[in-house]
Amino acid sequence: MNLRDLNYIVAVAKHRSFVQASEKCFVSQPTLSTQIKKVEKFLGIQIFERNNKKVLLTEVGEDIVAIAQQILEGVVQMKEIAANAQEPFAGNLRIGAFPSLASYLFPGLVLAIKSELPKIKLILIEEKTNILIGQLECGEIDAAVLSLPVKEDFLVSQSLFEDPFELAVAQDHPLSVRATISPLELHNQQLLLLDEGHCMRDQALQFCQWTGAHEQLGVRAASLETLRQMVIASTGVTLMPKIAIRPGEIGIKYIAFDKSGPKRTIGLVWRKSSVRKKLMKRLVELFEKRKVNSIS
């Protein structure tokens, strides 16, 4: 039994198909089946139940697959440790951010890393916060830029910058003449919000609870850009993070809140067990040195 055989077992368990598993492992289906039968004979147990329609894991097979996954993950970690020890600032860097941040943050991040860490190959992922945390947990990404705090005890974080919110209104809205506004002045005001699953939606709902504002029912947006266009079309008003505000926009006015206004803390998050701690600290330094967030 070797690592190749463990890969075969895990692939069949994942896809519940010998044919699909063989395709993913770049081996013929008869070869894969033969090797798994050899492993079952060696262990003296049956890992899979086979019939013409589907493949099922036996009870003991579930335990075998779990151990096989741990072994394969350990091998990957061993390789990462060795590569990182040789050159900590080289190789692939998989980093994620949530949608209401990614498109405004990534351009500056790409330029900073290409300039300061030329041996890094950057792989960018845009996903909702809960998905990014799941990807961090299973090792699919190395780090993520998220709103703090994060509660998961397997993660460590470092604050990068504060991103204040401003009130976005149409240019002909009665509030557009204001230079600043107090959050409590929005009592009973209806706000346009993002769809379920966006962390900014949760932050906006907390703001509503605090100020007595309300969500504008029946209208939700999938992105900040959609929210922006809805405000321009006089559909309603919304909160806009400063990082997403562009100078010279037409048809929309942004009103700053006073010192008690809402804001979000943006931070870099990675696994406590990560072997790339030196690289994570270097990324934090890049944010501080080059103002990657671009917020003045």
C-alpha atoms as a PDB file:
ATOM      1  CA  MET A   1       0.000   0.000   0.000  1.00  0.00           C
ATOM      2  CA  ASN A   2       1.379   3.428  -0.984  1.00  0.00           C
ATOM      3  CA  LEU A   3       0.320   7.077  -1.352  1.00  0.00           C
ATOM      4  CA  ARG A   4      -0.981   6.424  -4.860  1.00  0.00           C
ATOM      5  CA  ASP A   5      -3.374   3.819  -3.474  1.00  0.00           C
ATOM      6  CA  LEU A   6      -4.562   6.251  -0.802  1.00  0.00           C
ATOM      7  CA  ASN A   7      -5.273   8.820  -3.512  1.00  0.00           C
ATOM      8  CA  TYR A   8      -7.364   6.237  -5.351  1.00  0.00           C
ATOM      9  CA  ILE A   9      -9.383   5.432  -2.227  1.00  0.00           C
ATOM     10  CA  VAL A  10     -10.059   9.090  -1.414  1.00  0.00           C
ATOM     11  CA  ALA A  11     -11.018   9.840  -5.023  1.00  0.00           C
ATOM     12  CA  VAL A  12     -13.579   7.008  -5.150  1.00  0.00           C
ATOM     13  CA  ALA A  13     -15.015   8.099  -1.791  1.00  0.00           C
ATOM     14  CA  LYS A  14     -15.323  11.685  -3.025  1.00  0.00           C
ATOM     15  CA  HIS A  15     -16.911  10.957  -6.399  1.00  0.00           C
ATOM     16  CA  ARG A  16     -18.791   7.751  -5.454  1.00  0.00           C
ATOM     17  CA  SER A  17     -17.716   6.441  -8.846  1.00  0.00           C
ATOM     18  CA  PHE A  18     -14.776   4.318  -9.982  1.00  0.00           C
ATOM     19  CA  VAL A  19     -15.030   5.805 -13.477  1.00  0.00           C
ATOM     20  CA  GLN A  20     -14.922   9.440 -12.311  1.00  0.00           C
ATOM     21  CA  ALA A  21     -12.199   8.659  -9.777  1.00  0.00           C
ATOM     22  CA  SER A  22     -10.022   7.032 -12.455  1.00  0.00           C
ATOM     23  CA  GLU A  23     -10.433  10.109 -14.686  1.00  0.00           C
ATOM     24  CA  LYS A  24      -9.415  12.453 -11.852  1.00  0.00           C
ATOM     25  CA  CYS A  25      -6.408  10.221 -11.039  1.00  0.00           C
ATOM     26  CA  PHE A  26      -5.393   9.919 -14.706  1.00  0.00           C
ATOM     27  CA  VAL A  27      -5.428   6.122 -14.615  1.00  0.00           C
ATOM     28  CA  SER A  28      -7.588   3.475 -16.261  1.00  0.00           C
ATOM     29  CA  GLN A  29     -10.660   2.298 -14.357  1.00  0.00           C
ATOM     30  CA  PRO A  30      -9.529  -1.381 -14.279  1.00  0.00           C
ATOM     31  CA  THR A  31      -6.149  -0.365 -12.850  1.00  0.00           C
ATOM     32  CA  LEU A  32      -7.746   1.765 -10.128  1.00  0.00           C
ATOM     33  CA  SER A  33     -10.228  -0.999  -9.219  1.00  0.00           C
ATOM     34  CA  THR A  34      -7.459  -3.600  -9.072  1.00  0.00           C
ATOM     35  CA  GLN A  35      -5.319  -1.483  -6.754  1.00  0.00           C
ATOM     36  CA  ILE A  36      -8.227  -0.812  -4.383  1.00  0.00           C
ATOM     37  CA  LYS A  37      -9.043  -4.537  -4.256  1.00  0.00           C
ATOM     38  CA  LYS A  38      -5.392  -5.194  -3.337  1.00  0.00           C
ATOM     39  CA  VAL A  39      -5.646  -2.673  -0.489  1.00  0.00           C
ATOM     40  CA  GLU A  40      -8.875  -4.292   0.751  1.00  0.00           C
ATOM     41  CA  LYS A  41      -7.217  -7.726   0.623  1.00  0.00           C
ATOM     42  CA  PHE A  42      -4.143  -6.393   2.445  1.00  0.00           C
ATOM     43  CA  LEU A  43      -6.304  -4.883   5.210  1.00  0.00           C
ATOM     44  CA  GLY A  44      -8.733  -7.789   5.300  1.00  0.00           C
ATOM     45  CA  ILE A  45     -11.796  -5.520   5.057  1.00  0.00           C
ATOM     46  CA  GLN A  46     -14.153  -4.123   2.404  1.00  0.00           C
ATOM     47  CA  ILE A  47     -13.917  -0.358   1.933  1.00  0.00           C
ATOM     48  CA  PHE A  48     -16.603   0.040  -0.730  1.00  0.00           C
ATOM     49  CA  GLU A  49     -19.911  -1.610  -1.571  1.00  0.00           C
ATOM     50  CA  ARG A  50     -20.171  -1.931  -5.340  1.00  0.00           C
ATOM     51  CA  ASN A  51     -23.153  -2.418  -7.630  1.00  0.00           C
ATOM     52  CA  ASN A  52     -24.068  -1.359 -11.158  1.00  0.00           C
ATOM     53  CA  LYS A  53     -25.682   1.906 -10.085  1.00  0.00           C
ATOM     54  CA  LYS A  54     -23.599   3.394  -7.270  1.00  0.00           C
ATOM     55  CA  VAL A  55     -20.655   3.022  -4.912  1.00  0.00           C
ATOM     56  CA  LEU A  56     -21.158   3.189  -1.153  1.00  0.00           C
ATOM     57  CA  LEU A  57     -18.698   3.392   1.710  1.00  0.00           C
ATOM     58  CA  THR A  58     -18.902   0.635   4.289  1.00  0.00           C
ATOM     59  CA  GLU A  59     -18.866   1.621   7.956  1.00  0.00           C
ATOM     60  CA  VAL A  60     -15.227   0.625   8.354  1.00  0.00           C
ATOM     61  CA  GLY A  61     -14.527   2.187   4.953  1.00  0.00           C
ATOM     62  CA  GLU A  62     -15.510   5.609   6.294  1.00  0.00           C
ATOM     63  CA  ASP A  63     -12.827   5.302   8.981  1.00  0.00           C
ATOM     64  CA  ILE A  64     -10.249   4.121   6.434  1.00  0.00           C
ATOM     65  CA  VAL A  65     -10.990   7.037   4.105  1.00  0.00           C
ATOM     66  CA  ALA A  66     -10.741   9.542   6.982  1.00  0.00           C
ATOM     67  CA  ILE A  67      -7.285   8.227   7.893  1.00  0.00           C
ATOM     68  CA  ALA A  68      -6.213   8.219   4.234  1.00  0.00           C
ATOM     69  CA  GLN A  69      -7.234  11.866   3.928  1.00  0.00           C
ATOM     70  CA  GLN A  70      -5.240  12.758   7.039  1.00  0.00           C
ATOM     71  CA  ILE A  71      -2.158  11.028   5.655  1.00  0.00           C
ATOM     72  CA  LEU A  72      -2.424  12.765   2.277  1.00  0.00           C
ATOM     73  CA  GLU A  73      -2.985  16.146   3.933  1.00  0.00           C
ATOM     74  CA  GLY A  74       0.072  15.487   6.096  1.00  0.00           C
ATOM     75  CA  VAL A  75       2.171  14.780   3.019  1.00  0.00           C
ATOM     76  CA  VAL A  76       1.024  18.044   1.424  1.00  0.00           C
ATOM     77  CA  GLN A  77       1.893  19.908   4.621  1.00  0.00           C
ATOM     78  CA  MET A  78       5.334  18.273   4.704  1.00  0.00           C
ATOM     79  CA  LYS A  79       5.985  19.482   1.165  1.00  0.00           C
ATOM     80  CA  GLU A  80       4.776  22.985   2.048  1.00  0.00           C
ATOM     81  CA  ILE A  81       7.024  23.103   5.121  1.00  0.00           C
ATOM     82  CA  ALA A  82      10.033  22.034   3.055  1.00  0.00           C
ATOM     83  CA  ALA A  83       9.309  24.514   0.250  1.00  0.00           C
ATOM     84  CA  ASN A  84       8.642  27.334   2.701  1.00  0.00           C
ATOM     85  CA  ALA A  85      11.874  26.626   4.567  1.00  0.00           C
ATOM     86  CA  GLN A  86      13.828  26.892   1.335  1.00  0.00           C
ATOM     87  CA  GLU A  87      12.165  30.097   0.122  1.00  0.00           C
ATOM     88  CA  PRO A  88       9.320  31.588   2.226  1.00  0.00           C
ATOM     89  CA  PHE A  89       8.530  34.382  -0.244  1.00  0.00           C
ATOM     90  CA  ALA A  90       8.019  32.248  -3.353  1.00  0.00           C
ATOM     91  CA  GLY A  91       5.372  29.933  -4.802  1.00  0.00           C
ATOM     92  CA  ASN A  92       1.597  30.172  -5.057  1.00  0.00           C
ATOM     93  CA  LEU A  93      -0.302  32.441  -2.676  1.00  0.00           C
ATOM     94  CA  ARG A  94      -4.046  31.781  -2.607  1.00  0.00           C
ATOM     95  CA  ILE A  95      -5.819  34.698  -0.982  1.00  0.00           C
ATOM     96  CA  GLY A  96      -9.527  35.475  -0.762  1.00  0.00           C
ATOM     97  CA  ALA A  97     -11.756  38.445  -0.022  1.00  0.00           C
ATOM     98  CA  PHE A  98     -15.518  38.938   0.183  1.00  0.00           C
ATOM     99  CA  PRO A  99     -17.410  40.590  -2.718  1.00  0.00           C
ATOM    100  CA  SER A 100     -17.985  44.023  -1.171  1.00  0.00           C
ATOM    101  CA  LEU A 101     -14.219  44.344  -0.708  1.00  0.00           C
ATOM    102  CA  ALA A 102     -12.448  42.209  -3.321  1.00  0.00           C
ATOM    103  CA  SER A 103     -12.779  44.340  -6.463  1.00  0.00           C
ATOM    104  CA  TYR A 104     -11.633  47.469  -4.597  1.00  0.00           C
ATOM    105  CA  LEU A 105      -8.787  45.801  -2.688  1.00  0.00           C
ATOM    106  CA  PHE A 106      -7.287  43.335  -5.168  1.00  0.00           C
ATOM    107  CA  PRO A 107      -5.895  45.827  -7.757  1.00  0.00           C
ATOM    108  CA  GLY A 108      -3.661  47.502  -5.172  1.00  0.00           C
ATOM    109  CA  LEU A 109      -2.728  44.161  -3.636  1.00  0.00           C
ATOM    110  CA  VAL A 110      -1.663  42.742  -7.003  1.00  0.00           C
ATOM    111  CA  LEU A 111       0.568  45.744  -7.739  1.00  0.00           C
ATOM    112  CA  ALA A 112       2.154  45.642  -4.279  1.00  0.00           C
ATOM    113  CA  ILE A 113       2.928  41.926  -4.407  1.00  0.00           C
ATOM    114  CA  LYS A 114       4.291  42.061  -7.980  1.00  0.00           C
ATOM    115  CA  SER A 115       6.605  44.872  -6.909  1.00  0.00           C
ATOM    116  CA  GLU A 116       7.710  43.628  -3.477  1.00  0.00           C
ATOM    117  CA  LEU A 117       7.353  39.838  -3.808  1.00  0.00           C
ATOM    118  CA  PRO A 118       8.097  39.040  -7.466  1.00  0.00           C
ATOM    119  CA  LYS A 119       8.527  35.295  -6.843  1.00  0.00           C
ATOM    120  CA  ILE A 120       4.964  34.973  -5.529  1.00  0.00           C
ATOM    121  CA  LYS A 121       2.284  33.757  -7.932  1.00  0.00           C
ATOM    122  CA  LEU A 122      -0.938  35.346  -6.706  1.00  0.00           C
ATOM    123  CA  ILE A 123      -4.217  33.439  -6.964  1.00  0.00           C
ATOM    124  CA  LEU A 124      -7.237  35.581  -6.035  1.00  0.00           C
ATOM    125  CA  ILE A 125     -10.575  34.224  -4.825  1.00  0.00           C
ATOM    126  CA  GLU A 126     -13.761  36.267  -4.379  1.00  0.00           C
ATOM    127  CA  GLU A 127     -16.338  34.550  -2.174  1.00  0.00           C
ATOM    128  CA  LYS A 128     -18.687  35.248   0.713  1.00  0.00           C
ATOM    129  CA  THR A 129     -17.125  35.198   4.180  1.00  0.00           C
ATOM    130  CA  ASN A 130     -18.510  31.835   5.328  1.00  0.00           C
ATOM    131  CA  ILE A 131     -17.189  30.136   2.186  1.00  0.00           C
ATOM    132  CA  LEU A 132     -13.737  31.690   2.611  1.00  0.00           C
ATOM    133  CA  ILE A 133     -13.563  30.500   6.221  1.00  0.00           C
ATOM    134  CA  GLY A 134     -14.451  26.994   5.057  1.00  0.00           C
ATOM    135  CA  GLN A 135     -11.718  27.169   2.412  1.00  0.00           C
ATOM    136  CA  LEU A 136      -9.230  28.300   5.041  1.00  0.00           C
ATOM    137  CA  GLU A 137     -10.191  25.412   7.307  1.00  0.00           C
ATOM    138  CA  CYS A 138      -9.638  22.759   4.633  1.00  0.00           C
ATOM    139  CA  GLY A 139      -6.472  24.370   3.254  1.00  0.00           C
ATOM    140  CA  GLU A 140      -7.875  25.444  -0.120  1.00  0.00           C
ATOM    141  CA  ILE A 141      -6.607  29.001   0.420  1.00  0.00           C
ATOM    142  CA  ASP A 142      -3.679  30.409   2.417  1.00  0.00           C
ATOM    143  CA  ALA A 143      -5.251  33.607   3.724  1.00  0.00           C
ATOM    144  CA  ALA A 144      -8.268  35.866   3.428  1.00  0.00           C
ATOM    145  CA  VAL A 145      -9.003  39.551   3.919  1.00  0.00           C
ATOM    146  CA  LEU A 146     -12.142  39.702   6.073  1.00  0.00           C
ATOM    147  CA  SER A 147     -14.122  41.927   8.400  1.00  0.00           C
ATOM    148  CA  LEU A 148     -12.951  41.472  11.973  1.00  0.00           C
ATOM    149  CA  PRO A 149     -13.439  39.934  14.390  1.00  0.00           C
ATOM    150  CA  VAL A 150     -13.482  36.305  13.276  1.00  0.00           C
ATOM    151  CA  LYS A 151     -14.596  33.823  15.934  1.00  0.00           C
ATOM    152  CA  GLU A 152     -13.095  30.557  14.642  1.00  0.00           C
ATOM    153  CA  ASP A 153     -10.382  29.399  17.059  1.00  0.00           C
ATOM    154  CA  PHE A 154      -8.239  27.807  14.327  1.00  0.00           C
ATOM    155  CA  LEU A 155      -7.632  31.222  12.761  1.00  0.00           C
ATOM    156  CA  VAL A 156      -5.397  34.142  13.637  1.00  0.00           C
ATOM    157  CA  SER A 157      -5.909  37.673  12.357  1.00  0.00           C
ATOM    158  CA  GLN A 158      -4.134  41.008  12.063  1.00  0.00           C
ATOM    159  CA  SER A 159      -5.982  44.287  11.643  1.00  0.00           C
ATOM    160  CA  LEU A 160      -5.074  46.150   8.434  1.00  0.00           C
ATOM    161  CA  PHE A 161      -7.261  49.249   8.223  1.00  0.00           C
ATOM    162  CA  GLU A 162     -10.567  50.846   9.196  1.00  0.00           C
ATOM    163  CA  ASP A 163     -13.163  51.256   6.441  1.00  0.00           C
ATOM    164  CA  PRO A 164     -15.824  53.820   7.464  1.00  0.00           C
ATOM    165  CA  PHE A 165     -19.291  53.820   5.909  1.00  0.00           C
ATOM    166  CA  GLU A 166     -20.924  56.863   4.336  1.00  0.00           C
ATOM    167  CA  LEU A 167     -24.567  57.457   3.462  1.00  0.00           C
ATOM    168  CA  ALA A 168     -25.202  57.246  -0.293  1.00  0.00           C
ATOM    169  CA  VAL A 169     -28.138  59.253  -1.649  1.00  0.00           C
ATOM    170  CA  ALA A 170     -29.245  60.435  -5.077  1.00  0.00           C
ATOM    171  CA  GLN A 171     -28.105  63.931  -6.048  1.00  0.00           C
ATOM    172  CA  ASP A 172     -31.689  65.220  -5.887  1.00  0.00           C
ATOM    173  CA  HIS A 173     -32.442  63.594  -2.506  1.00  0.00           C
ATOM    174  CA  PRO A 174     -33.393  66.055   0.294  1.00  0.00           C
ATOM    175  CA  LEU A 175     -30.357  64.916   2.325  1.00  0.00           C
ATOM    176  CA  SER A 176     -27.925  65.610  -0.525  1.00  0.00           C
ATOM    177  CA  VAL A 177     -27.332  69.150   0.730  1.00  0.00           C
ATOM    178  CA  ARG A 178     -25.826  67.825   3.950  1.00  0.00           C
ATOM    179  CA  ALA A 179     -22.050  67.641   4.445  1.00  0.00           C
ATOM    180  CA  THR A 180     -22.256  65.316   7.450  1.00  0.00           C
ATOM    181  CA  ILE A 181     -24.961  63.412   9.269  1.00  0.00           C
ATOM    182  CA  SER A 182     -25.462  61.696  12.619  1.00  0.00           C
ATOM    183  CA  PRO A 183     -26.426  58.018  12.539  1.00  0.00           C
ATOM    184  CA  LEU A 184     -29.383  58.691  14.834  1.00  0.00           C
ATOM    185  CA  GLU A 185     -30.843  61.070  12.246  1.00  0.00           C
ATOM    186  CA  LEU A 186     -31.652  57.976  10.174  1.00  0.00           C
ATOM    187  CA  HIS A 187     -34.264  56.828  12.700  1.00  0.00           C
ATOM    188  CA  ASN A 188     -37.179  55.320  10.710  1.00  0.00           C
ATOM    189  CA  GLN A 189     -35.238  55.805   7.446  1.00  0.00           C
ATOM    190  CA  GLN A 190     -35.414  52.848   5.033  1.00  0.00           C
ATOM    191  CA  LEU A 191     -32.076  51.536   3.709  1.00  0.00           C
ATOM    192  CA  LEU A 192     -31.277  49.427   0.667  1.00  0.00           C
ATOM    193  CA  LEU A 193     -29.294  46.325   1.696  1.00  0.00           C
ATOM    194  CA  LEU A 194     -27.368  43.493   0.087  1.00  0.00           C
ATOM    195  CA  ASP A 195     -28.682  39.934  -0.257  1.00  0.00           C
ATOM    196  CA  GLU A 196     -28.426  37.275   2.435  1.00  0.00           C
ATOM    197  CA  GLY A 197     -24.951  35.866   3.000  1.00  0.00           C
ATOM    198  CA  HIS A 198     -23.029  39.129   2.636  1.00  0.00           C
ATOM    199  CA  CYS A 199     -21.222  40.165   5.813  1.00  0.00           C
ATOM    200  CA  MET A 200     -21.938  43.806   4.963  1.00  0.00           C
ATOM    201  CA  ARG A 201     -25.646  43.019   5.155  1.00  0.00           C
ATOM    202  CA  ASP A 202     -25.163  41.818   8.738  1.00  0.00           C
ATOM    203  CA  GLN A 203     -23.254  45.005   9.565  1.00  0.00           C
ATOM    204  CA  ALA A 204     -26.009  47.142   8.025  1.00  0.00           C
ATOM    205  CA  LEU A 205     -28.679  45.291  10.011  1.00  0.00           C
ATOM    206  CA  GLN A 206     -26.719  45.980  13.210  1.00  0.00           C
ATOM    207  CA  PHE A 207     -26.672  49.647  12.221  1.00  0.00           C
ATOM    208  CA  CYS A 208     -30.447  49.573  11.701  1.00  0.00           C
ATOM    209  CA  GLN A 209     -30.976  47.991  15.114  1.00  0.00           C
ATOM    210  CA  TRP A 210     -28.821  50.649  16.758  1.00  0.00           C
ATOM    211  CA  THR A 211     -30.313  53.695  14.998  1.00  0.00           C
ATOM    212  CA  GLY A 212     -33.915  52.617  14.490  1.00  0.00           C
ATOM    213  CA  ALA A 213     -33.538  52.569  10.710  1.00  0.00           C
ATOM    214  CA  HIS A 214     -35.182  49.788   8.674  1.00  0.00           C
ATOM    215  CA  GLU A 215     -34.435  47.648   5.674  1.00  0.00           C
ATOM    216  CA  GLN A 216     -36.328  48.678   2.547  1.00  0.00           C
ATOM    217  CA  LEU A 217     -38.412  45.587   1.974  1.00  0.00           C
ATOM    218  CA  GLY A 218     -38.877  43.933  -1.391  1.00  0.00           C
ATOM    219  CA  VAL A 219     -35.634  45.297  -2.848  1.00  0.00           C
ATOM    220  CA  ARG A 220     -32.189  43.742  -2.377  1.00  0.00           C
ATOM    221  CA  ALA A 221     -28.933  43.886  -4.323  1.00  0.00           C
ATOM    222  CA  ALA A 222     -26.352  41.232  -5.151  1.00  0.00           C
ATOM    223  CA  SER A 223     -23.411  43.665  -5.185  1.00  0.00           C
ATOM    224  CA  LEU A 224     -22.296  47.126  -4.149  1.00  0.00           C
ATOM    225  CA  GLU A 225     -22.351  48.216  -7.775  1.00  0.00           C
ATOM    226  CA  THR A 226     -26.031  47.276  -7.999  1.00  0.00           C
ATOM    227  CA  LEU A 227     -26.696  49.218  -4.800  1.00  0.00           C
ATOM    228  CA  ARG A 228     -24.904  52.210  -6.294  1.00  0.00           C
ATOM    229  CA  GLN A 229     -27.067  52.148  -9.440  1.00  0.00           C
ATOM    230  CA  MET A 230     -30.236  51.754  -7.376  1.00  0.00           C
ATOM    231  CA  VAL A 231     -29.341  54.871  -5.390  1.00  0.00           C
ATOM    232  CA  ILE A 232     -28.642  56.815  -8.602  1.00  0.00           C
ATOM    233  CA  ALA A 233     -32.071  55.695  -9.879  1.00  0.00           C
ATOM    234  CA  SER A 234     -33.648  57.161  -6.703  1.00  0.00           C
ATOM    235  CA  THR A 235     -34.787  53.711  -5.527  1.00  0.00           C
ATOM    236  CA  GLY A 236     -33.534  54.502  -2.020  1.00  0.00           C
ATOM    237  CA  VAL A 237     -30.491  55.272   0.119  1.00  0.00           C
ATOM    238  CA  THR A 238     -27.798  52.949   1.423  1.00  0.00           C
ATOM    239  CA  LEU A 239     -24.554  52.619   3.348  1.00  0.00           C
ATOM    240  CA  MET A 240     -21.418  52.585   1.199  1.00  0.00           C
ATOM    241  CA  PRO A 241     -17.937  51.624   2.471  1.00  0.00           C
ATOM    242  CA  LYS A 242     -15.377  54.330   1.774  1.00  0.00           C
ATOM    243  CA  ILE A 243     -13.099  51.923  -0.098  1.00  0.00           C
ATOM    244  CA  ALA A 244     -15.836  51.602  -2.765  1.00  0.00           C
ATOM    245  CA  ILE A 245     -16.369  55.353  -3.206  1.00  0.00           C
ATOM    246  CA  ARG A 246     -14.886  56.800  -6.401  1.00  0.00           C
ATOM    247  CA  PRO A 247     -14.198  60.505  -6.906  1.00  0.00           C
ATOM    248  CA  GLY A 248     -16.287  62.380  -9.437  1.00  0.00           C
ATOM    249  CA  GLU A 249     -19.259  59.990  -9.541  1.00  0.00           C
ATOM    250  CA  ILE A 250     -22.315  61.408 -11.287  1.00  0.00           C
ATOM    251  CA  GLY A 251     -25.851  61.170  -9.927  1.00  0.00           C
ATOM    252  CA  ILE A 252     -24.900  60.177  -6.380  1.00  0.00           C
ATOM    253  CA  LYS A 253     -23.857  62.036  -3.226  1.00  0.00           C
ATOM    254  CA  TYR A 254     -21.960  60.555  -0.292  1.00  0.00           C
ATOM    255  CA  ILE A 255     -22.535  62.033   3.153  1.00  0.00           C
ATOM    256  CA  ALA A 256     -19.955  61.369   5.865  1.00  0.00           C
ATOM    257  CA  PHE A 257     -21.152  60.365   9.309  1.00  0.00           C
ATOM    258  CA  ASP A 258     -19.931  62.138  12.412  1.00  0.00           C
ATOM    259  CA  LYS A 259     -17.423  60.497  14.761  1.00  0.00           C
ATOM    260  CA  SER A 260     -20.032  57.989  15.961  1.00  0.00           C
ATOM    261  CA  GLY A 261     -20.593  56.699  12.431  1.00  0.00           C
ATOM    262  CA  PRO A 262     -20.426  53.036  11.429  1.00  0.00           C
ATOM    263  CA  LYS A 263     -17.233  51.420  10.158  1.00  0.00           C
ATOM    264  CA  ARG A 264     -15.744  47.996   9.599  1.00  0.00           C
ATOM    265  CA  THR A 265     -12.311  46.738  10.568  1.00  0.00           C
ATOM    266  CA  ILE A 266     -10.579  44.877   7.748  1.00  0.00           C
ATOM    267  CA  GLY A 267      -7.930  42.319   8.613  1.00  0.00           C
ATOM    268  CA  LEU A 268      -5.758  39.552   7.203  1.00  0.00           C
ATOM    269  CA  VAL A 269      -6.774  36.097   8.445  1.00  0.00           C
ATOM    270  CA  TRP A 270      -4.836  32.830   8.229  1.00  0.00           C
ATOM    271  CA  ARG A 271      -4.618  29.451   9.965  1.00  0.00           C
ATOM    272  CA  LYS A 272      -2.738  29.209  13.256  1.00  0.00           C
ATOM    273  CA  SER A 273      -1.144  26.049  11.885  1.00  0.00           C
ATOM    274  CA  SER A 274       0.042  27.721   8.666  1.00  0.00           C
ATOM    275  CA  VAL A 275       3.671  27.120   7.709  1.00  0.00           C
ATOM    276  CA  ARG A 276       3.710  30.498   5.920  1.00  0.00           C
ATOM    277  CA  LYS A 277       3.699  32.797   8.945  1.00  0.00           C
ATOM    278  CA  LYS A 278       6.677  34.792   7.626  1.00  0.00           C
ATOM    279  CA  LEU A 279       4.791  35.495   4.413  1.00  0.00           C
ATOM    280  CA  MET A 280       1.653  36.521   6.340  1.00  0.00           C
ATOM    281  CA  LYS A 281       3.666  39.035   8.377  1.00  0.00           C
ATOM    282  CA  ARG A 282       5.228  40.346   5.164  1.00  0.00           C
ATOM    283  CA  LEU A 283       1.764  40.855   3.657  1.00  0.00           C
ATOM    284  CA  VAL A 284       0.694  42.868   6.695  1.00  0.00           C
ATOM    285  CA  GLU A 285       3.808  45.020   6.240  1.00  0.00           C
ATOM    286  CA  LEU A 286       2.873  45.600   2.596  1.00  0.00           C
ATOM    287  CA  PHE A 287      -0.560  46.888   3.593  1.00  0.00           C
ATOM    288  CA  GLU A 288       1.001  49.265   6.090  1.00  0.00           C
ATOM    289  CA  LYS A 289       3.791  50.409   3.774  1.00  0.00           C
ATOM    290  CA  ARG A 290       1.920  50.840   0.510  1.00  0.00           C
ATOM    291  CA  LYS A 291      -1.610  51.586   1.757  1.00  0.00           C
ATOM    292  CA  VAL A 292      -3.028  48.789  -0.408  1.00  0.00           C
ATOM    293  CA  ASN A 293      -6.538  49.669   0.757  1.00  0.00           C
ATOM    294  CA  SER A 294      -6.182  53.124  -0.912  1.00  0.00           C
ATOM    295  CA  ILE A 295      -8.336  54.790   1.784  1.00  0.00           C
ATOM    296  CA  SER A 296      -7.024  58.252   2.517  1.00  0.00           C
END
